[in-house]
Amino acid sequence: MSRDSRLSDVLHILLHMAYERAPVTSEAMARSLNTNSVVVRRIMAGLRDRGYVRSEKGHGGGWVLSRDLSEITLLDIYLALGSPALVSFGRRSEAPDCLVEQAVNSNLDKTLQEAQLLMMTRFGEITLAKLHADVQAGIADRRHLAKLEAAHGSTS
């Protein structure tokens, strides 16, 4: 079963855009995601419609962030993508006659609803600024490690 990676892909793209001084083309994004630029434009259009990005036309054009990273949550992006399924579990049938299947469906439904509520709550708490800070911390850690290795004469 294939996984829907659009949320991860879009977050990846948006964070890279935060580091760019110039607009990023759909083609460049597509290359980084190993997909077609039409797919990227379709996804970015949904983000544009919500006001998270804007497109600049002409030579040197492309996509740019139109809001501060602290104003955009994972929930915002998830909703802009059309709220794709978070879990791939499903019912064997919608209206079973079997009491066993009814019990299974009831408990699965309740658990999946609770899980979705928890995920939506957490998505609403995480901003792109938080993800950006995590990237910055990772960069700082790598620099620190590189300095330590250089100071100790390590070679890799």
N, C-alpha and C. Protein backbone atom coordinates (compact mmCIF):
# COMPACT_ATOMS: atom_id res chain seq x y z
N MET A 1 0.84 -1.17 0.00
CA MET A 1 0.00 0.00 0.00
C MET A 1 0.90 1.24 0.00
N SER A 2 0.64 2.16 -0.92
CA SER A 2 1.46 3.36 -0.98
C SER A 2 0.97 4.40 0.03
N ARG A 3 1.90 5.18 0.50
CA ARG A 3 1.58 6.21 1.48
C ARG A 3 1.43 7.56 0.78
N ASP A 4 0.58 8.40 1.34
CA ASP A 4 0.39 9.75 0.84
C ASP A 4 1.44 10.62 1.51
N SER A 5 2.41 11.09 0.76
CA SER A 5 3.50 11.88 1.34
C SER A 5 3.35 13.37 1.07
N ARG A 6 2.18 13.80 0.60
CA ARG A 6 2.01 15.21 0.24
C ARG A 6 2.28 16.16 1.40
N LEU A 7 1.82 15.83 2.60
CA LEU A 7 2.05 16.73 3.74
C LEU A 7 3.54 16.87 4.00
N SER A 8 4.23 15.77 4.05
CA SER A 8 5.67 15.79 4.26
C SER A 8 6.37 16.54 3.12
N ASP A 9 5.95 16.28 1.89
CA ASP A 9 6.55 16.94 0.72
C ASP A 9 6.37 18.45 0.79
N VAL A 10 5.15 18.89 1.08
CA VAL A 10 4.88 20.33 1.11
C VAL A 10 5.63 21.01 2.24
N LEU A 11 5.68 20.38 3.39
CA LEU A 11 6.43 20.97 4.51
C LEU A 11 7.90 21.09 4.14
N HIS A 12 8.44 20.08 3.48
CA HIS A 12 9.82 20.08 3.01
C HIS A 12 10.05 21.28 2.08
N ILE A 13 9.17 21.42 1.10
CA ILE A 13 9.29 22.53 0.14
C ILE A 13 9.19 23.88 0.84
N LEU A 14 8.21 24.05 1.70
CA LEU A 14 8.01 25.35 2.35
C LEU A 14 9.21 25.74 3.21
N LEU A 15 9.80 24.78 3.89
CA LEU A 15 10.98 25.09 4.70
C LEU A 15 12.18 25.44 3.83
N HIS A 16 12.34 24.76 2.70
CA HIS A 16 13.41 25.15 1.78
C HIS A 16 13.15 26.56 1.24
N MET A 17 11.89 26.87 0.95
CA MET A 17 11.56 28.21 0.46
C MET A 17 11.93 29.28 1.47
N ALA A 18 11.84 28.96 2.75
CA ALA A 18 12.17 29.93 3.80
C ALA A 18 13.64 30.34 3.74
N TYR A 19 14.47 29.49 3.17
CA TYR A 19 15.91 29.80 3.06
C TYR A 19 16.26 30.50 1.75
N GLU A 20 15.35 30.53 0.82
CA GLU A 20 15.62 31.12 -0.49
C GLU A 20 15.34 32.62 -0.48
N ARG A 21 16.18 33.35 -1.15
CA ARG A 21 15.97 34.80 -1.29
C ARG A 21 15.16 35.11 -2.55
N ALA A 22 15.13 34.18 -3.47
CA ALA A 22 14.42 34.38 -4.73
C ALA A 22 13.26 33.39 -4.82
N PRO A 23 12.30 33.67 -5.69
CA PRO A 23 11.20 32.72 -5.89
C PRO A 23 11.73 31.36 -6.33
N VAL A 24 11.02 30.31 -5.95
CA VAL A 24 11.40 28.94 -6.29
C VAL A 24 10.42 28.43 -7.34
N THR A 25 10.96 27.93 -8.44
CA THR A 25 10.10 27.46 -9.53
C THR A 25 9.47 26.10 -9.20
N SER A 26 8.36 25.84 -9.83
CA SER A 26 7.71 24.54 -9.70
C SER A 26 8.63 23.43 -10.19
N GLU A 27 9.41 23.73 -11.21
CA GLU A 27 10.33 22.74 -11.77
C GLU A 27 11.40 22.36 -10.74
N ALA A 28 11.95 23.35 -10.04
CA ALA A 28 12.97 23.07 -9.02
C ALA A 28 12.37 22.25 -7.88
N MET A 29 11.16 22.60 -7.47
CA MET A 29 10.49 21.83 -6.42
C MET A 29 10.24 20.40 -6.87
N ALA A 30 9.79 20.25 -8.12
CA ALA A 30 9.49 18.93 -8.65
C ALA A 30 10.75 18.05 -8.69
N ARG A 31 11.88 18.65 -9.07
CA ARG A 31 13.13 17.88 -9.08
C ARG A 31 13.48 17.40 -7.68
N SER A 32 13.30 18.25 -6.68
CA SER A 32 13.66 17.85 -5.31
C SER A 32 12.73 16.77 -4.77
N LEU A 33 11.51 16.71 -5.29
CA LEU A 33 10.54 15.70 -4.84
C LEU A 33 10.44 14.51 -5.78
N ASN A 34 11.20 14.57 -6.87
CA ASN A 34 11.18 13.51 -7.87
C ASN A 34 9.76 13.28 -8.39
N THR A 35 9.12 14.39 -8.80
CA THR A 35 7.77 14.32 -9.33
C THR A 35 7.67 15.28 -10.50
N ASN A 36 6.49 15.45 -11.03
CA ASN A 36 6.23 16.33 -12.17
C ASN A 36 5.86 17.72 -11.67
N SER A 37 6.29 18.74 -12.39
CA SER A 37 6.00 20.13 -11.98
C SER A 37 4.50 20.43 -11.98
N VAL A 38 3.72 19.72 -12.78
CA VAL A 38 2.27 19.90 -12.77
C VAL A 38 1.70 19.52 -11.41
N VAL A 39 2.22 18.45 -10.83
CA VAL A 39 1.79 18.00 -9.50
C VAL A 39 2.11 19.09 -8.47
N VAL A 40 3.29 19.65 -8.56
CA VAL A 40 3.71 20.71 -7.63
C VAL A 40 2.80 21.93 -7.78
N ARG A 41 2.54 22.34 -9.02
CA ARG A 41 1.69 23.53 -9.24
C ARG A 41 0.29 23.31 -8.68
N ARG A 42 -0.23 22.10 -8.81
CA ARG A 42 -1.57 21.79 -8.29
C ARG A 42 -1.58 21.92 -6.76
N ILE A 43 -0.55 21.37 -6.12
CA ILE A 43 -0.45 21.46 -4.66
C ILE A 43 -0.26 22.91 -4.22
N MET A 44 0.63 23.61 -4.90
CA MET A 44 0.92 24.99 -4.52
C MET A 44 -0.29 25.90 -4.74
N ALA A 45 -1.11 25.59 -5.72
CA ALA A 45 -2.33 26.39 -5.96
C ALA A 45 -3.25 26.33 -4.74
N GLY A 46 -3.35 25.16 -4.11
CA GLY A 46 -4.16 25.05 -2.90
C GLY A 46 -3.60 25.90 -1.77
N LEU A 47 -2.28 25.96 -1.67
CA LEU A 47 -1.65 26.81 -0.65
C LEU A 47 -1.82 28.28 -0.98
N ARG A 48 -1.76 28.61 -2.27
CA ARG A 48 -1.98 29.99 -2.69
C ARG A 48 -3.40 30.43 -2.37
N ASP A 49 -4.36 29.55 -2.62
CA ASP A 49 -5.77 29.88 -2.35
C ASP A 49 -6.00 30.18 -0.87
N ARG A 50 -5.19 29.61 -0.02
CA ARG A 50 -5.30 29.84 1.43
C ARG A 50 -4.42 31.00 1.90
N GLY A 51 -3.64 31.56 1.00
CA GLY A 51 -2.82 32.73 1.34
C GLY A 51 -1.47 32.43 1.97
N TYR A 52 -0.99 31.19 1.84
CA TYR A 52 0.30 30.83 2.44
C TYR A 52 1.48 31.09 1.51
N VAL A 53 1.22 31.02 0.21
CA VAL A 53 2.24 31.31 -0.79
C VAL A 53 1.62 32.18 -1.88
N ARG A 54 2.49 32.76 -2.68
CA ARG A 54 2.02 33.48 -3.86
C ARG A 54 2.98 33.16 -5.00
N SER A 55 2.48 33.29 -6.21
CA SER A 55 3.32 33.02 -7.37
C SER A 55 3.69 34.35 -8.01
N GLU A 56 4.94 34.41 -8.44
CA GLU A 56 5.42 35.59 -9.16
C GLU A 56 5.72 35.15 -10.58
N LYS A 57 5.14 35.87 -11.52
CA LYS A 57 5.24 35.49 -12.93
C LYS A 57 6.46 36.13 -13.58
N GLY A 58 6.79 35.64 -14.75
CA GLY A 58 7.85 36.23 -15.55
C GLY A 58 9.22 35.66 -15.25
N HIS A 59 10.22 36.26 -15.91
CA HIS A 59 11.60 35.82 -15.73
C HIS A 59 12.00 35.97 -14.26
N GLY A 60 12.53 34.91 -13.68
CA GLY A 60 12.90 34.94 -12.27
C GLY A 60 11.72 34.70 -11.35
N GLY A 61 10.60 34.32 -11.93
CA GLY A 61 9.40 34.09 -11.14
C GLY A 61 9.39 32.72 -10.49
N GLY A 62 8.37 32.49 -9.74
CA GLY A 62 8.21 31.22 -9.03
C GLY A 62 7.34 31.43 -7.81
N TRP A 63 7.51 30.58 -6.83
CA TRP A 63 6.69 30.61 -5.62
C TRP A 63 7.47 31.22 -4.46
N VAL A 64 6.77 32.04 -3.66
CA VAL A 64 7.36 32.62 -2.45
C VAL A 64 6.36 32.50 -1.31
N LEU A 65 6.86 32.45 -0.12
CA LEU A 65 5.99 32.44 1.06
C LEU A 65 5.32 33.80 1.19
N SER A 66 4.06 33.82 1.55
CA SER A 66 3.37 35.10 1.70
C SER A 66 2.93 35.35 3.15
N ARG A 67 3.32 34.46 4.04
CA ARG A 67 3.06 34.65 5.47
C ARG A 67 4.30 34.28 6.25
N ASP A 68 4.39 34.82 7.43
CA ASP A 68 5.48 34.47 8.33
C ASP A 68 5.31 33.01 8.75
N LEU A 69 6.44 32.33 8.94
CA LEU A 69 6.40 30.92 9.33
C LEU A 69 5.64 30.69 10.63
N SER A 70 5.64 31.68 11.50
CA SER A 70 4.94 31.52 12.79
C SER A 70 3.42 31.57 12.64
N GLU A 71 2.95 31.96 11.47
CA GLU A 71 1.51 32.07 11.23
C GLU A 71 0.93 30.86 10.52
N ILE A 72 1.77 29.89 10.20
CA ILE A 72 1.31 28.72 9.44
C ILE A 72 1.55 27.46 10.27
N THR A 73 0.50 26.70 10.50
CA THR A 73 0.63 25.44 11.26
C THR A 73 0.57 24.24 10.33
N LEU A 74 0.96 23.11 10.86
CA LEU A 74 0.82 21.87 10.10
C LEU A 74 -0.65 21.62 9.78
N LEU A 75 -1.54 22.00 10.69
CA LEU A 75 -2.97 21.85 10.45
C LEU A 75 -3.40 22.69 9.25
N ASP A 76 -2.90 23.91 9.15
CA ASP A 76 -3.23 24.76 8.01
C ASP A 76 -2.85 24.08 6.69
N ILE A 77 -1.66 23.52 6.65
CA ILE A 77 -1.17 22.87 5.43
C ILE A 77 -1.98 21.60 5.16
N TYR A 78 -2.24 20.83 6.20
CA TYR A 78 -3.04 19.61 6.06
C TYR A 78 -4.42 19.94 5.46
N LEU A 79 -5.06 20.97 5.97
CA LEU A 79 -6.37 21.36 5.46
C LEU A 79 -6.28 21.87 4.03
N ALA A 80 -5.21 22.62 3.72
CA ALA A 80 -5.03 23.13 2.36
C ALA A 80 -4.83 22.00 1.36
N LEU A 81 -4.32 20.87 1.82
CA LEU A 81 -4.15 19.71 0.95
C LEU A 81 -5.44 18.92 0.77
N GLY A 82 -6.50 19.36 1.43
CA GLY A 82 -7.79 18.68 1.30
C GLY A 82 -8.03 17.61 2.35
N SER A 83 -7.32 17.68 3.46
CA SER A 83 -7.48 16.75 4.57
C SER A 83 -7.36 15.29 4.14
N PRO A 84 -6.21 14.92 3.58
CA PRO A 84 -6.05 13.52 3.16
C PRO A 84 -6.14 12.57 4.35
N ALA A 85 -6.48 11.33 4.07
CA ALA A 85 -6.61 10.32 5.12
C ALA A 85 -5.30 10.20 5.89
N LEU A 86 -5.40 10.17 7.19
CA LEU A 86 -4.21 10.05 8.04
C LEU A 86 -3.88 8.60 8.34
N VAL A 87 -4.90 7.77 8.33
CA VAL A 87 -4.72 6.36 8.63
C VAL A 87 -5.40 5.56 7.53
N SER A 88 -4.79 4.48 7.13
CA SER A 88 -5.33 3.71 6.01
C SER A 88 -6.24 2.57 6.43
N PHE A 89 -6.52 2.45 7.72
CA PHE A 89 -7.44 1.40 8.15
C PHE A 89 -8.84 1.71 7.66
N GLY A 90 -9.57 0.67 7.33
CA GLY A 90 -10.95 0.87 6.90
C GLY A 90 -11.81 -0.29 7.34
N ARG A 91 -13.08 -0.11 7.14
CA ARG A 91 -14.04 -1.17 7.48
C ARG A 91 -14.11 -2.19 6.36
N ARG A 92 -14.37 -3.40 6.76
CA ARG A 92 -14.59 -4.45 5.78
C ARG A 92 -15.91 -4.21 5.05
N SER A 93 -16.92 -3.79 5.78
CA SER A 93 -18.20 -3.40 5.19
C SER A 93 -18.84 -2.33 6.08
N GLU A 94 -19.69 -1.53 5.50
CA GLU A 94 -20.28 -0.40 6.22
C GLU A 94 -21.42 -0.81 7.16
N ALA A 95 -22.25 -1.74 6.75
CA ALA A 95 -23.41 -2.15 7.56
C ALA A 95 -23.42 -3.67 7.71
N PRO A 96 -22.54 -4.20 8.54
CA PRO A 96 -22.47 -5.66 8.66
C PRO A 96 -23.62 -6.23 9.49
N ASP A 97 -24.02 -7.45 9.15
CA ASP A 97 -24.99 -8.18 9.95
C ASP A 97 -24.30 -8.92 11.09
N CYS A 98 -23.04 -9.20 10.92
CA CYS A 98 -22.27 -9.98 11.89
C CYS A 98 -21.99 -9.16 13.15
N LEU A 99 -22.34 -9.69 14.31
CA LEU A 99 -22.11 -8.99 15.57
C LEU A 99 -20.62 -8.78 15.85
N VAL A 100 -19.81 -9.72 15.44
CA VAL A 100 -18.36 -9.57 15.63
C VAL A 100 -17.86 -8.38 14.83
N GLU A 101 -18.26 -8.32 13.56
CA GLU A 101 -17.83 -7.20 12.72
C GLU A 101 -18.38 -5.87 13.24
N GLN A 102 -19.58 -5.86 13.78
CA GLN A 102 -20.14 -4.64 14.36
C GLN A 102 -19.28 -4.17 15.53
N ALA A 103 -18.87 -5.10 16.38
CA ALA A 103 -18.02 -4.74 17.53
C ALA A 103 -16.67 -4.22 17.06
N VAL A 104 -16.09 -4.88 16.06
CA VAL A 104 -14.81 -4.45 15.51
C VAL A 104 -14.95 -3.04 14.95
N ASN A 105 -15.95 -2.80 14.11
CA ASN A 105 -16.15 -1.49 13.49
C ASN A 105 -16.35 -0.40 14.53
N SER A 106 -17.17 -0.68 15.52
CA SER A 106 -17.45 0.31 16.56
C SER A 106 -16.17 0.73 17.30
N ASN A 107 -15.38 -0.26 17.68
CA ASN A 107 -14.16 0.05 18.42
C ASN A 107 -13.09 0.69 17.54
N LEU A 108 -12.98 0.23 16.30
CA LEU A 108 -12.04 0.87 15.38
C LEU A 108 -12.43 2.31 15.12
N ASP A 109 -13.73 2.54 14.86
CA ASP A 109 -14.19 3.90 14.59
C ASP A 109 -13.88 4.84 15.75
N LYS A 110 -14.19 4.40 16.95
CA LYS A 110 -13.95 5.24 18.13
C LYS A 110 -12.45 5.53 18.29
N THR A 111 -11.63 4.53 18.15
CA THR A 111 -10.19 4.71 18.31
C THR A 111 -9.62 5.62 17.22
N LEU A 112 -10.05 5.42 15.98
CA LEU A 112 -9.57 6.26 14.88
C LEU A 112 -10.02 7.71 15.04
N GLN A 113 -11.22 7.92 15.53
CA GLN A 113 -11.70 9.29 15.79
C GLN A 113 -10.86 9.96 16.87
N GLU A 114 -10.56 9.23 17.92
CA GLU A 114 -9.71 9.77 18.99
C GLU A 114 -8.32 10.09 18.47
N ALA A 115 -7.77 9.20 17.66
CA ALA A 115 -6.43 9.41 17.10
C ALA A 115 -6.43 10.63 16.18
N GLN A 116 -7.46 10.78 15.37
CA GLN A 116 -7.53 11.92 14.46
C GLN A 116 -7.64 13.22 15.25
N LEU A 117 -8.44 13.24 16.29
CA LEU A 117 -8.57 14.44 17.12
C LEU A 117 -7.22 14.81 17.74
N LEU A 118 -6.51 13.83 18.24
CA LEU A 118 -5.19 14.07 18.82
C LEU A 118 -4.22 14.61 17.77
N MET A 119 -4.23 14.01 16.59
CA MET A 119 -3.33 14.47 15.53
C MET A 119 -3.68 15.88 15.08
N MET A 120 -4.95 16.19 14.92
CA MET A 120 -5.35 17.54 14.50
C MET A 120 -4.94 18.58 15.55
N THR A 121 -5.12 18.22 16.81
CA THR A 121 -4.73 19.11 17.90
C THR A 121 -3.23 19.38 17.84
N ARG A 122 -2.47 18.34 17.70
CA ARG A 122 -1.00 18.47 17.65
C ARG A 122 -0.57 19.23 16.40
N PHE A 123 -1.19 18.94 15.24
CA PHE A 123 -0.87 19.68 14.01
C PHE A 123 -1.12 21.17 14.20
N GLY A 124 -2.16 21.52 14.95
CA GLY A 124 -2.47 22.93 15.19
C GLY A 124 -1.48 23.61 16.10
N GLU A 125 -0.71 22.84 16.85
CA GLU A 125 0.28 23.40 17.78
C GLU A 125 1.65 23.60 17.15
N ILE A 126 1.90 22.95 16.03
CA ILE A 126 3.23 22.99 15.41
C ILE A 126 3.21 23.97 14.25
N THR A 127 4.02 25.01 14.36
CA THR A 127 4.13 25.99 13.28
C THR A 127 5.34 25.68 12.40
N LEU A 128 5.35 26.29 11.24
CA LEU A 128 6.52 26.15 10.38
C LEU A 128 7.73 26.81 11.04
N ALA A 129 7.50 27.82 11.87
CA ALA A 129 8.60 28.44 12.61
C ALA A 129 9.25 27.43 13.55
N LYS A 130 8.46 26.56 14.15
CA LYS A 130 8.99 25.52 15.03
C LYS A 130 9.85 24.55 14.22
N LEU A 131 9.35 24.13 13.06
CA LEU A 131 10.13 23.23 12.20
C LEU A 131 11.42 23.92 11.74
N HIS A 132 11.31 25.19 11.40
CA HIS A 132 12.49 25.96 10.97
C HIS A 132 13.51 26.02 12.10
N ALA A 133 13.05 26.23 13.31
CA ALA A 133 13.96 26.26 14.48
C ALA A 133 14.63 24.90 14.67
N ASP A 134 13.89 23.83 14.43
CA ASP A 134 14.48 22.49 14.52
C ASP A 134 15.58 22.31 13.47
N VAL A 135 15.35 22.83 12.27
CA VAL A 135 16.38 22.76 11.22
C VAL A 135 17.61 23.57 11.65
N GLN A 136 17.38 24.75 12.17
CA GLN A 136 18.49 25.60 12.61
C GLN A 136 19.29 24.91 13.71
N ALA A 137 18.60 24.25 14.63
CA ALA A 137 19.29 23.53 15.70
C ALA A 137 20.14 22.40 15.12
N GLY A 138 19.62 21.73 14.12
CA GLY A 138 20.37 20.66 13.47
C GLY A 138 21.60 21.19 12.76
N ILE A 139 21.47 22.35 12.14
CA ILE A 139 22.62 22.98 11.48
C ILE A 139 23.67 23.34 12.51
N ALA A 140 23.24 23.92 13.62
CA ALA A 140 24.18 24.31 14.68
C ALA A 140 24.89 23.07 15.25
N ASP A 141 24.14 21.99 15.44
CA ASP A 141 24.74 20.74 15.94
C ASP A 141 25.80 20.21 14.99
N ARG A 142 25.51 20.25 13.69
CA ARG A 142 26.48 19.77 12.70
C ARG A 142 27.74 20.64 12.70
N ARG A 143 27.55 21.94 12.81
CA ARG A 143 28.73 22.83 12.85
C ARG A 143 29.57 22.54 14.08
N HIS A 144 28.90 22.36 15.20
CA HIS A 144 29.61 22.06 16.45
C HIS A 144 30.38 20.75 16.33
N LEU A 145 29.72 19.74 15.77
CA LEU A 145 30.36 18.45 15.59
C LEU A 145 31.56 18.56 14.65
N ALA A 146 31.40 19.31 13.57
CA ALA A 146 32.50 19.49 12.61
C ALA A 146 33.70 20.18 13.29
N LYS A 147 33.42 21.18 14.15
CA LYS A 147 34.50 21.87 14.86
C LYS A 147 35.19 20.91 15.82
N LEU A 148 34.43 20.08 16.52
CA LEU A 148 35.01 19.11 17.44
C LEU A 148 35.88 18.11 16.67
N GLU A 149 35.40 17.63 15.54
CA GLU A 149 36.17 16.67 14.75
C GLU A 149 37.46 17.31 14.24
N ALA A 150 37.38 18.55 13.82
CA ALA A 150 38.57 19.25 13.32
C ALA A 150 39.57 19.47 14.44
N ALA A 151 39.07 19.82 15.62
CA ALA A 151 39.95 20.08 16.75
C ALA A 151 40.67 18.81 17.23
N HIS A 152 40.04 17.67 17.01
CA HIS A 152 40.62 16.41 17.44
C HIS A 152 41.30 15.65 16.30
N GLY A 153 41.40 16.31 15.16
CA GLY A 153 42.09 15.69 14.03
C GLY A 153 41.38 14.50 13.44
N SER A 154 40.05 14.42 13.63
CA SER A 154 39.29 13.29 13.09
C SER A 154 39.18 13.42 11.58
N THR A 155 39.27 12.30 10.93
CA THR A 155 39.01 12.26 9.49
C THR A 155 37.96 11.19 9.23
N SER A 156 37.06 11.50 8.33
CA SER A 156 36.00 10.54 8.03
C SER A 156 36.08 10.10 6.61
